Amino acid sequence: MISKFLSKLKSIFLKSAVSPETPLKKEKKAAKSVKTKTKTKSVNSKKNIETLTTLPGVGAKSAKALYEAGFKTTKAVIAADEKDLLAVSGVGINLIKKLKKLK
């Protein structure tokens, strides 16, 4: 019986001690929303990389390299200068010839 009474007292005191921790709960919620945003960014980047693979001669590796080099869309790749594309690893002259045909 005494132990029940003590546990109730502890719970009462802990509840009052928990109230200052509510800003931590808000921080946790904010951290969750940040995680959600990064997930959406990674999903968007995956979609963009997949769309780059629709270009003739562009595989998964070269699409990822193009995306990381700053070419986010197929239009950006097609409109890019040959020198800029050659600077990307995995992009060669044959790929540039195929992309020229698209212009």
Protein backbone atom coordinates (compact mmCIF):
# COMPACT_ATOMS: atom_id res chain seq x y z
CA MET A 1 0.00 0.00 0.00
CA ILE A 2 2.81 2.36 0.82
CA SER A 3 4.50 1.49 -2.43
CA LYS A 4 1.35 2.41 -4.38
CA PHE A 5 1.19 5.72 -2.55
CA LEU A 6 4.86 6.40 -3.29
CA SER A 7 4.45 5.52 -6.95
CA LYS A 8 1.48 7.90 -7.21
CA LEU A 9 3.55 10.64 -5.60
CA LYS A 10 6.38 9.97 -8.04
CA SER A 11 4.00 10.13 -10.97
CA ILE A 12 2.59 13.45 -9.71
CA PHE A 13 6.07 14.93 -9.31
CA LEU A 14 7.21 13.56 -12.63
CA LYS A 15 4.23 15.07 -14.40
CA SER A 16 5.20 18.51 -13.12
CA ALA A 17 8.79 17.81 -14.18
CA VAL A 18 7.63 16.71 -17.64
CA SER A 19 5.96 20.02 -18.44
CA PRO A 20 9.29 21.88 -18.93
CA GLU A 21 10.24 19.12 -21.39
CA THR A 22 7.42 20.01 -23.77
CA PRO A 23 9.76 22.15 -25.90
CA LEU A 24 11.72 18.94 -26.48
CA LYS A 25 8.61 17.32 -27.85
CA LYS A 26 8.25 20.26 -30.25
CA GLU A 27 11.86 19.81 -31.31
CA LYS A 28 11.24 16.12 -31.95
CA LYS A 29 8.24 16.98 -34.12
CA ALA A 30 10.34 19.53 -36.01
CA ALA A 31 13.05 16.93 -36.51
CA LYS A 32 10.48 14.53 -37.91
CA SER A 33 9.29 17.14 -40.41
CA VAL A 34 12.90 17.74 -41.49
CA LYS A 35 13.30 14.00 -42.06
CA THR A 36 10.17 14.05 -44.20
CA LYS A 37 11.57 16.89 -46.30
CA THR A 38 14.84 15.07 -46.89
CA LYS A 39 12.92 11.96 -47.90
CA THR A 40 10.99 14.00 -50.46
CA LYS A 41 14.19 15.46 -51.81
CA SER A 42 15.73 12.04 -52.19
CA VAL A 43 12.58 10.79 -53.91
CA ASN A 44 12.67 13.77 -56.27
CA SER A 45 16.34 13.21 -57.05
CA LYS A 46 15.65 9.55 -57.81
CA LYS A 47 12.85 10.56 -60.17
CA ASN A 48 15.08 13.10 -61.88
CA ILE A 49 17.85 10.54 -62.30
CA GLU A 50 15.35 8.09 -63.76
CA THR A 51 14.16 10.70 -66.27
CA LEU A 52 17.74 11.34 -67.31
CA THR A 53 18.04 7.67 -68.22
CA THR A 54 15.38 8.22 -70.90
CA LEU A 55 18.01 10.07 -72.96
CA PRO A 56 19.63 7.84 -75.57
CA GLY A 57 22.95 6.45 -74.39
CA VAL A 58 22.47 7.52 -70.77
CA GLY A 59 22.52 4.70 -68.25
CA ALA A 60 22.02 4.72 -64.51
CA LYS A 61 25.63 5.60 -63.67
CA SER A 62 25.98 8.42 -66.17
CA ALA A 63 22.52 9.75 -65.21
CA LYS A 64 23.60 9.92 -61.58
CA ALA A 65 26.87 11.62 -62.57
CA LEU A 66 24.99 14.16 -64.71
CA TYR A 67 22.56 14.86 -61.87
CA GLU A 68 25.37 15.37 -59.38
CA ALA A 69 27.14 17.67 -61.86
CA GLY A 70 24.10 19.95 -61.86
CA PHE A 71 22.15 18.75 -64.89
CA LYS A 72 18.81 18.12 -63.20
CA THR A 73 16.56 17.78 -66.26
CA THR A 74 16.77 16.32 -69.72
CA LYS A 75 16.40 19.80 -71.20
CA ALA A 76 19.44 20.96 -69.24
CA VAL A 77 21.50 18.07 -70.58
CA ILE A 78 20.41 18.66 -74.17
CA ALA A 79 21.05 22.41 -73.95
CA ALA A 80 24.42 22.03 -72.20
CA ASP A 81 27.71 22.89 -73.85
CA GLU A 82 29.83 19.96 -75.06
CA LYS A 83 32.77 20.97 -72.85
CA ASP A 84 30.58 20.99 -69.77
CA LEU A 85 29.26 17.53 -70.55
CA LEU A 86 32.73 16.13 -71.21
CA ALA A 87 33.77 17.31 -67.75
CA VAL A 88 31.29 14.85 -66.22
CA SER A 89 32.72 11.42 -65.53
CA GLY A 90 31.02 8.73 -67.57
CA VAL A 91 30.17 11.04 -70.43
CA GLY A 92 32.09 10.53 -73.64
CA ILE A 93 32.11 11.72 -77.21
CA ASN A 94 29.67 9.05 -78.35
CA LEU A 95 27.08 10.19 -75.84
CA ILE A 96 27.51 13.80 -76.93
CA LYS A 97 26.96 12.77 -80.56
CA LYS A 98 23.71 11.07 -79.58
CA LEU A 99 22.60 14.13 -77.65
CA LYS A 100 23.40 16.42 -80.61
CA LYS A 101 20.86 14.51 -82.67
CA LEU A 102 18.17 15.53 -80.17
CA LYS A 103 18.76 19.27 -80.63
